[in-house]
Amino acid sequence: MKAYWKISSISEKSENGGSGSLRAKFELSEGPSKPATLAVQFIGEGSTLSGVDVELVGTGYRLSLLKKRFATGWYMADC
């Protein structure tokens, strides 16, 4: 199962001086009765992020392994 959020716009200014949070929630109404791997992905393109922390909380489910990966880069191609 995959959960995917694309953050299309992040403001350079915030009401509280640059600190805030982004929250996303989903609930399953149907699904497998056996535990399965869940992949969660957040993407922010063309934005600068600093001091980012990711937290996944599972109510009723135990999260046994959490991997975080941040990737940056500038890619150009001549065609």
PDB file of N, CA and C in Angstrom:
ATOM      1  N   MET A   1       0.845  -1.166   0.000  1.00  0.00           N
ATOM      2  CA  MET A   1       0.000   0.000   0.000  1.00  0.00           C
ATOM      3  C   MET A   1       0.892   1.232   0.000  1.00  0.00           C
ATOM      4  N   LYS A   2       0.484   2.263  -0.721  1.00  0.00           N
ATOM      5  CA  LYS A   2       1.237   3.506  -0.763  1.00  0.00           C
ATOM      6  C   LYS A   2       0.325   4.681  -0.450  1.00  0.00           C
ATOM      7  N   ALA A   3       0.853   5.622   0.286  1.00  0.00           N
ATOM      8  CA  ALA A   3       0.193   6.909   0.518  1.00  0.00           C
ATOM      9  C   ALA A   3       1.134   7.966  -0.036  1.00  0.00           C
ATOM     10  N   TYR A   4       0.626   8.884  -0.831  1.00  0.00           N
ATOM     11  CA  TYR A   4       1.468   9.817  -1.569  1.00  0.00           C
ATOM     12  C   TYR A   4       0.878  11.219  -1.493  1.00  0.00           C
ATOM     13  N   TRP A   5       1.677  12.183  -1.066  1.00  0.00           N
ATOM     14  CA  TRP A   5       1.264  13.583  -1.028  1.00  0.00           C
ATOM     15  C   TRP A   5       2.291  14.392  -1.808  1.00  0.00           C
ATOM     16  N   LYS A   6       1.844  15.260  -2.684  1.00  0.00           N
ATOM     17  CA  LYS A   6       2.738  16.165  -3.387  1.00  0.00           C
ATOM     18  C   LYS A   6       2.453  17.572  -2.886  1.00  0.00           C
ATOM     19  N   ILE A   7       3.458  18.195  -2.327  1.00  0.00           N
ATOM     20  CA  ILE A   7       3.331  19.540  -1.777  1.00  0.00           C
ATOM     21  C   ILE A   7       3.674  20.502  -2.905  1.00  0.00           C
ATOM     22  N   SER A   8       2.669  21.110  -3.495  1.00  0.00           N
ATOM     23  CA  SER A   8       2.890  21.926  -4.690  1.00  0.00           C
ATOM     24  C   SER A   8       3.365  23.338  -4.369  1.00  0.00           C
ATOM     25  N   SER A   9       3.085  23.832  -3.194  1.00  0.00           N
ATOM     26  CA  SER A   9       3.464  25.200  -2.868  1.00  0.00           C
ATOM     27  C   SER A   9       3.747  25.323  -1.377  1.00  0.00           C
ATOM     28  N   ILE A  10       4.910  25.856  -1.064  1.00  0.00           N
ATOM     29  CA  ILE A  10       5.268  26.129   0.330  1.00  0.00           C
ATOM     30  C   ILE A  10       5.601  27.613   0.417  1.00  0.00           C
ATOM     31  N   SER A  11       4.926  28.310   1.271  1.00  0.00           N
ATOM     32  CA  SER A  11       5.124  29.745   1.406  1.00  0.00           C
ATOM     33  C   SER A  11       6.478  30.048   2.030  1.00  0.00           C
ATOM     34  N   GLU A  12       7.100  31.127   1.561  1.00  0.00           N
ATOM     35  CA  GLU A  12       8.368  31.557   2.141  1.00  0.00           C
ATOM     36  C   GLU A  12       8.160  32.236   3.489  1.00  0.00           C
ATOM     37  N   LYS A  13       6.965  32.706   3.744  1.00  0.00           N
ATOM     38  CA  LYS A  13       6.671  33.402   4.991  1.00  0.00           C
ATOM     39  C   LYS A  13       5.571  32.658   5.727  1.00  0.00           C
ATOM     40  N   SER A  14       5.668  32.660   7.032  1.00  0.00           N
ATOM     41  CA  SER A  14       4.619  32.027   7.825  1.00  0.00           C
ATOM     42  C   SER A  14       4.174  32.979   8.925  1.00  0.00           C
ATOM     43  N   GLU A  15       3.039  32.679   9.490  1.00  0.00           N
ATOM     44  CA  GLU A  15       2.481  33.540  10.529  1.00  0.00           C
ATOM     45  C   GLU A  15       3.287  33.492  11.815  1.00  0.00           C
ATOM     46  N   ASN A  16       3.994  32.391  12.062  1.00  0.00           N
ATOM     47  CA  ASN A  16       4.710  32.250  13.336  1.00  0.00           C
ATOM     48  C   ASN A  16       6.226  32.217  13.151  1.00  0.00           C
ATOM     49  N   GLY A  17       6.747  32.921  12.170  1.00  0.00           N
ATOM     50  CA  GLY A  17       8.185  33.076  12.034  1.00  0.00           C
ATOM     51  C   GLY A  17       8.906  31.894  11.411  1.00  0.00           C
ATOM     52  N   GLY A  18       8.251  31.130  10.591  1.00  0.00           N
ATOM     53  CA  GLY A  18       8.932  30.062   9.868  1.00  0.00           C
ATOM     54  C   GLY A  18       8.796  28.680  10.459  1.00  0.00           C
ATOM     55  N   SER A  19       8.042  28.547  11.526  1.00  0.00           N
ATOM     56  CA  SER A  19       7.875  27.236  12.146  1.00  0.00           C
ATOM     57  C   SER A  19       6.428  26.806  12.008  1.00  0.00           C
ATOM     58  N   GLY A  20       6.225  25.589  11.611  1.00  0.00           N
ATOM     59  CA  GLY A  20       4.854  25.126  11.458  1.00  0.00           C
ATOM     60  C   GLY A  20       4.817  23.635  11.222  1.00  0.00           C
ATOM     61  N   SER A  21       3.678  23.152  10.812  1.00  0.00           N
ATOM     62  CA  SER A  21       3.562  21.719  10.578  1.00  0.00           C
ATOM     63  C   SER A  21       2.623  21.455   9.415  1.00  0.00           C
ATOM     64  N   LEU A  22       2.839  20.338   8.794  1.00  0.00           N
ATOM     65  CA  LEU A  22       1.982  19.843   7.735  1.00  0.00           C
ATOM     66  C   LEU A  22       1.489  18.484   8.191  1.00  0.00           C
ATOM     67  N   ARG A  23       0.187  18.299   8.192  1.00  0.00           N
ATOM     68  CA  ARG A  23      -0.364  17.034   8.672  1.00  0.00           C
ATOM     69  C   ARG A  23      -1.257  16.430   7.606  1.00  0.00           C
ATOM     70  N   ALA A  24      -1.174  15.142   7.497  1.00  0.00           N
ATOM     71  CA  ALA A  24      -2.034  14.410   6.563  1.00  0.00           C
ATOM     72  C   ALA A  24      -2.550  13.176   7.280  1.00  0.00           C
ATOM     73  N   LYS A  25      -3.782  12.810   6.984  1.00  0.00           N
ATOM     74  CA  LYS A  25      -4.396  11.683   7.679  1.00  0.00           C
ATOM     75  C   LYS A  25      -5.221  10.880   6.693  1.00  0.00           C
ATOM     76  N   PHE A  26      -5.202   9.581   6.853  1.00  0.00           N
ATOM     77  CA  PHE A  26      -6.108   8.740   6.090  1.00  0.00           C
ATOM     78  C   PHE A  26      -6.520   7.556   6.946  1.00  0.00           C
ATOM     79  N   GLU A  27      -7.699   7.054   6.687  1.00  0.00           N
ATOM     80  CA  GLU A  27      -8.220   5.892   7.397  1.00  0.00           C
ATOM     81  C   GLU A  27      -8.669   4.866   6.374  1.00  0.00           C
ATOM     82  N   LEU A  28      -8.407   3.613   6.660  1.00  0.00           N
ATOM     83  CA  LEU A  28      -8.807   2.535   5.766  1.00  0.00           C
ATOM     84  C   LEU A  28     -10.162   1.998   6.187  1.00  0.00           C
ATOM     85  N   SER A  29     -11.085   1.926   5.247  1.00  0.00           N
ATOM     86  CA  SER A  29     -12.390   1.340   5.545  1.00  0.00           C
ATOM     87  C   SER A  29     -12.403  -0.152   5.237  1.00  0.00           C
ATOM     88  N   GLU A  30     -11.525  -0.573   4.338  1.00  0.00           N
ATOM     89  CA  GLU A  30     -11.374  -1.984   4.001  1.00  0.00           C
ATOM     90  C   GLU A  30      -9.902  -2.245   3.753  1.00  0.00           C
ATOM     91  N   GLY A  31      -9.516  -3.473   3.850  1.00  0.00           N
ATOM     92  CA  GLY A  31      -8.128  -3.787   3.564  1.00  0.00           C
ATOM     93  C   GLY A  31      -7.766  -5.183   4.002  1.00  0.00           C
ATOM     94  N   PRO A  32      -6.502  -5.522   3.826  1.00  0.00           N
ATOM     95  CA  PRO A  32      -6.065  -6.864   4.212  1.00  0.00           C
ATOM     96  C   PRO A  32      -6.093  -7.037   5.727  1.00  0.00           C
ATOM     97  N   SER A  33      -6.343  -8.254   6.163  1.00  0.00           N
ATOM     98  CA  SER A  33      -6.373  -8.514   7.601  1.00  0.00           C
ATOM     99  C   SER A  33      -4.983  -8.820   8.141  1.00  0.00           C
ATOM    100  N   LYS A  34      -4.028  -9.020   7.253  1.00  0.00           N
ATOM    101  CA  LYS A  34      -2.648  -9.274   7.663  1.00  0.00           C
ATOM    102  C   LYS A  34      -1.849  -7.979   7.547  1.00  0.00           C
ATOM    103  N   PRO A  35      -0.865  -7.790   8.440  1.00  0.00           N
ATOM    104  CA  PRO A  35      -0.024  -6.592   8.333  1.00  0.00           C
ATOM    105  C   PRO A  35       0.689  -6.560   6.986  1.00  0.00           C
ATOM    106  N   ALA A  36       0.783  -5.388   6.411  1.00  0.00           N
ATOM    107  CA  ALA A  36       1.451  -5.220   5.124  1.00  0.00           C
ATOM    108  C   ALA A  36       2.353  -3.994   5.187  1.00  0.00           C
ATOM    109  N   THR A  37       3.283  -3.925   4.255  1.00  0.00           N
ATOM    110  CA  THR A  37       4.187  -2.789   4.185  1.00  0.00           C
ATOM    111  C   THR A  37       3.432  -1.555   3.702  1.00  0.00           C
ATOM    112  N   LEU A  38       3.678  -0.446   4.360  1.00  0.00           N
ATOM    113  CA  LEU A  38       3.065   0.826   3.992  1.00  0.00           C
ATOM    114  C   LEU A  38       4.177   1.789   3.608  1.00  0.00           C
ATOM    115  N   ALA A  39       4.078   2.396   2.444  1.00  0.00           N
ATOM    116  CA  ALA A  39       5.045   3.399   2.001  1.00  0.00           C
ATOM    117  C   ALA A  39       4.361   4.757   2.008  1.00  0.00           C
ATOM    118  N   VAL A  40       4.974   5.723   2.663  1.00  0.00           N
ATOM    119  CA  VAL A  40       4.443   7.086   2.730  1.00  0.00           C
ATOM    120  C   VAL A  40       5.484   8.003   2.124  1.00  0.00           C
ATOM    121  N   GLN A  41       5.055   8.890   1.223  1.00  0.00           N
ATOM    122  CA  GLN A  41       6.001   9.745   0.522  1.00  0.00           C
ATOM    123  C   GLN A  41       5.474  11.169   0.473  1.00  0.00           C
ATOM    124  N   PHE A  42       6.330  12.120   0.856  1.00  0.00           N
ATOM    125  CA  PHE A  42       6.035  13.542   0.756  1.00  0.00           C
ATOM    126  C   PHE A  42       7.032  14.142  -0.226  1.00  0.00           C
ATOM    127  N   ILE A  43       6.556  14.931  -1.172  1.00  0.00           N
ATOM    128  CA  ILE A  43       7.433  15.541  -2.166  1.00  0.00           C
ATOM    129  C   ILE A  43       7.190  17.044  -2.182  1.00  0.00           C
ATOM    130  N   GLY A  44       8.253  17.816  -2.096  1.00  0.00           N
ATOM    131  CA  GLY A  44       8.172  19.262  -2.246  1.00  0.00           C
ATOM    132  C   GLY A  44       9.186  19.691  -3.290  1.00  0.00           C
ATOM    133  N   GLU A  45       8.737  20.094  -4.470  1.00  0.00           N
ATOM    134  CA  GLU A  45       9.640  20.469  -5.557  1.00  0.00           C
ATOM    135  C   GLU A  45       9.801  21.979  -5.618  1.00  0.00           C
ATOM    136  N   GLY A  46      11.026  22.425  -5.853  1.00  0.00           N
ATOM    137  CA  GLY A  46      11.286  23.848  -6.009  1.00  0.00           C
ATOM    138  C   GLY A  46      11.153  24.637  -4.729  1.00  0.00           C
ATOM    139  N   SER A  47      11.290  23.982  -3.587  1.00  0.00           N
ATOM    140  CA  SER A  47      11.153  24.655  -2.298  1.00  0.00           C
ATOM    141  C   SER A  47      12.369  24.368  -1.438  1.00  0.00           C
ATOM    142  N   THR A  48      12.668  25.275  -0.549  1.00  0.00           N
ATOM    143  CA  THR A  48      13.747  25.077   0.406  1.00  0.00           C
ATOM    144  C   THR A  48      13.141  24.675   1.736  1.00  0.00           C
ATOM    145  N   LEU A  49      13.604  23.569   2.265  1.00  0.00           N
ATOM    146  CA  LEU A  49      13.127  23.082   3.557  1.00  0.00           C
ATOM    147  C   LEU A  49      14.304  23.023   4.515  1.00  0.00           C
ATOM    148  N   SER A  50      14.098  23.455   5.742  1.00  0.00           N
ATOM    149  CA  SER A  50      15.145  23.344   6.754  1.00  0.00           C
ATOM    150  C   SER A  50      14.507  22.930   8.067  1.00  0.00           C
ATOM    151  N   GLY A  51      15.235  22.184   8.851  1.00  0.00           N
ATOM    152  CA  GLY A  51      14.726  21.726  10.135  1.00  0.00           C
ATOM    153  C   GLY A  51      13.535  20.805  10.006  1.00  0.00           C
ATOM    154  N   VAL A  52      13.521  19.988   8.975  1.00  0.00           N
ATOM    155  CA  VAL A  52      12.379  19.115   8.710  1.00  0.00           C
ATOM    156  C   VAL A  52      12.469  17.858   9.557  1.00  0.00           C
ATOM    157  N   ASP A  53      11.364  17.482  10.156  1.00  0.00           N
ATOM    158  CA  ASP A  53      11.272  16.218  10.875  1.00  0.00           C
ATOM    159  C   ASP A  53       9.990  15.530  10.432  1.00  0.00           C
ATOM    160  N   VAL A  54      10.061  14.239  10.274  1.00  0.00           N
ATOM    161  CA  VAL A  54       8.915  13.452   9.836  1.00  0.00           C
ATOM    162  C   VAL A  54       8.512  12.518  10.958  1.00  0.00           C
ATOM    163  N   GLU A  55       7.232  12.484  11.259  1.00  0.00           N
ATOM    164  CA  GLU A  55       6.729  11.595  12.306  1.00  0.00           C
ATOM    165  C   GLU A  55       5.511  10.857  11.776  1.00  0.00           C
ATOM    166  N   LEU A  56       5.527   9.553  11.907  1.00  0.00           N
ATOM    167  CA  LEU A  56       4.372   8.732  11.550  1.00  0.00           C
ATOM    168  C   LEU A  56       3.816   8.125  12.827  1.00  0.00           C
ATOM    169  N   VAL A  57       2.544   8.301  13.036  1.00  0.00           N
ATOM    170  CA  VAL A  57       1.892   7.776  14.230  1.00  0.00           C
ATOM    171  C   VAL A  57       0.806   6.821  13.786  1.00  0.00           C
ATOM    172  N   GLY A  58       0.840   5.617  14.301  1.00  0.00           N
ATOM    173  CA  GLY A  58      -0.176   4.630  13.939  1.00  0.00           C
ATOM    174  C   GLY A  58      -1.048   4.299  15.134  1.00  0.00           C
ATOM    175  N   THR A  59      -2.306   4.668  15.077  1.00  0.00           N
ATOM    176  CA  THR A  59      -3.247   4.342  16.136  1.00  0.00           C
ATOM    177  C   THR A  59      -3.741   2.924  15.912  1.00  0.00           C
ATOM    178  N   GLY A  60      -3.474   2.063  16.844  1.00  0.00           N
ATOM    179  CA  GLY A  60      -3.900   0.677  16.707  1.00  0.00           C
ATOM    180  C   GLY A  60      -2.937  -0.178  15.916  1.00  0.00           C
ATOM    181  N   TYR A  61      -1.902   0.442  15.333  1.00  0.00           N
ATOM    182  CA  TYR A  61      -0.903  -0.298  14.569  1.00  0.00           C
ATOM    183  C   TYR A  61       0.466   0.018  15.127  1.00  0.00           C
ATOM    184  N   ARG A  62       1.319  -0.965  15.116  1.00  0.00           N
ATOM    185  CA  ARG A  62       2.686  -0.766  15.593  1.00  0.00           C
ATOM    186  C   ARG A  62       3.582  -0.534  14.388  1.00  0.00           C
ATOM    187  N   LEU A  63       4.308   0.567  14.396  1.00  0.00           N
ATOM    188  CA  LEU A  63       5.263   0.853  13.333  1.00  0.00           C
ATOM    189  C   LEU A  63       6.612   0.304  13.767  1.00  0.00           C
ATOM    190  N   SER A  64       7.047  -0.771  13.119  1.00  0.00           N
ATOM    191  CA  SER A  64       8.253  -1.442  13.577  1.00  0.00           C
ATOM    192  C   SER A  64       9.517  -0.927  12.909  1.00  0.00           C
ATOM    193  N   LEU A  65       9.409  -0.325  11.742  1.00  0.00           N
ATOM    194  CA  LEU A  65      10.590   0.157  11.036  1.00  0.00           C
ATOM    195  C   LEU A  65      10.233   1.444  10.314  1.00  0.00           C
ATOM    196  N   LEU A  66      11.000   2.471  10.560  1.00  0.00           N
ATOM    197  CA  LEU A  66      10.761   3.757   9.919  1.00  0.00           C
ATOM    198  C   LEU A  66      12.056   4.202   9.258  1.00  0.00           C
ATOM    199  N   LYS A  67      12.025   4.374   7.953  1.00  0.00           N
ATOM    200  CA  LYS A  67      13.190   4.848   7.208  1.00  0.00           C
ATOM    201  C   LYS A  67      12.881   6.231   6.665  1.00  0.00           C
ATOM    202  N   LYS A  68      13.821   7.140   6.841  1.00  0.00           N
ATOM    203  CA  LYS A  68      13.671   8.492   6.310  1.00  0.00           C
ATOM    204  C   LYS A  68      14.738   8.697   5.236  1.00  0.00           C
ATOM    205  N   ARG A  69      14.339   9.337   4.139  1.00  0.00           N
ATOM    206  CA  ARG A  69      15.294   9.620   3.076  1.00  0.00           C
ATOM    207  C   ARG A  69      14.981  10.993   2.506  1.00  0.00           C
ATOM    208  N   PHE A  70      15.988  11.826   2.452  1.00  0.00           N
ATOM    209  CA  PHE A  70      15.851  13.142   1.851  1.00  0.00           C
ATOM    210  C   PHE A  70      16.767  13.195   0.635  1.00  0.00           C
ATOM    211  N   ALA A  71      16.255  13.641  -0.478  1.00  0.00           N
ATOM    212  CA  ALA A  71      17.040  13.728  -1.702  1.00  0.00           C
ATOM    213  C   ALA A  71      16.943  15.144  -2.254  1.00  0.00           C
ATOM    214  N   THR A  72      18.072  15.653  -2.689  1.00  0.00           N
ATOM    215  CA  THR A  72      18.101  16.983  -3.291  1.00  0.00           C
ATOM    216  C   THR A  72      18.903  16.902  -4.580  1.00  0.00           C
ATOM    217  N   GLY A  73      18.797  17.911  -5.365  1.00  0.00           N
ATOM    218  CA  GLY A  73      19.627  17.935  -6.562  1.00  0.00           C
ATOM    219  C   GLY A  73      19.105  18.888  -7.610  1.00  0.00           C
ATOM    220  N   TRP A  74      19.942  19.132  -8.568  1.00  0.00           N
ATOM    221  CA  TRP A  74      19.606  19.965  -9.710  1.00  0.00           C
ATOM    222  C   TRP A  74      20.009  19.166 -10.927  1.00  0.00           C
ATOM    223  N   TYR A  75      19.057  18.837 -11.730  1.00  0.00           N
ATOM    224  CA  TYR A  75      19.316  17.978 -12.876  1.00  0.00           C
ATOM    225  C   TYR A  75      18.987  18.740 -14.154  1.00  0.00           C
ATOM    226  N   MET A  76      19.916  18.728 -15.093  1.00  0.00           N
ATOM    227  CA  MET A  76      19.705  19.402 -16.368  1.00  0.00           C
ATOM    228  C   MET A  76      20.068  18.439 -17.488  1.00  0.00           C
ATOM    229  N   ALA A  77      19.376  18.559 -18.600  1.00  0.00           N
ATOM    230  CA  ALA A  77      19.674  17.710 -19.755  1.00  0.00           C
ATOM    231  C   ALA A  77      19.555  18.543 -21.024  1.00  0.00           C
ATOM    232  N   ASP A  78      20.513  18.373 -21.927  1.00  0.00           N
ATOM    233  CA  ASP A  78      20.440  19.011 -23.244  1.00  0.00           C
ATOM    234  C   ASP A  78      19.789  18.048 -24.208  1.00  0.00           C
ATOM    235  N   CYS A  79      18.775  18.513 -24.900  1.00  0.00           N
ATOM    236  CA  CYS A  79      18.091  17.655 -25.874  1.00  0.00           C
ATOM    237  C   CYS A  79      18.182  18.254 -27.252  1.00  0.00           C
TER     238      CYS A  79
END
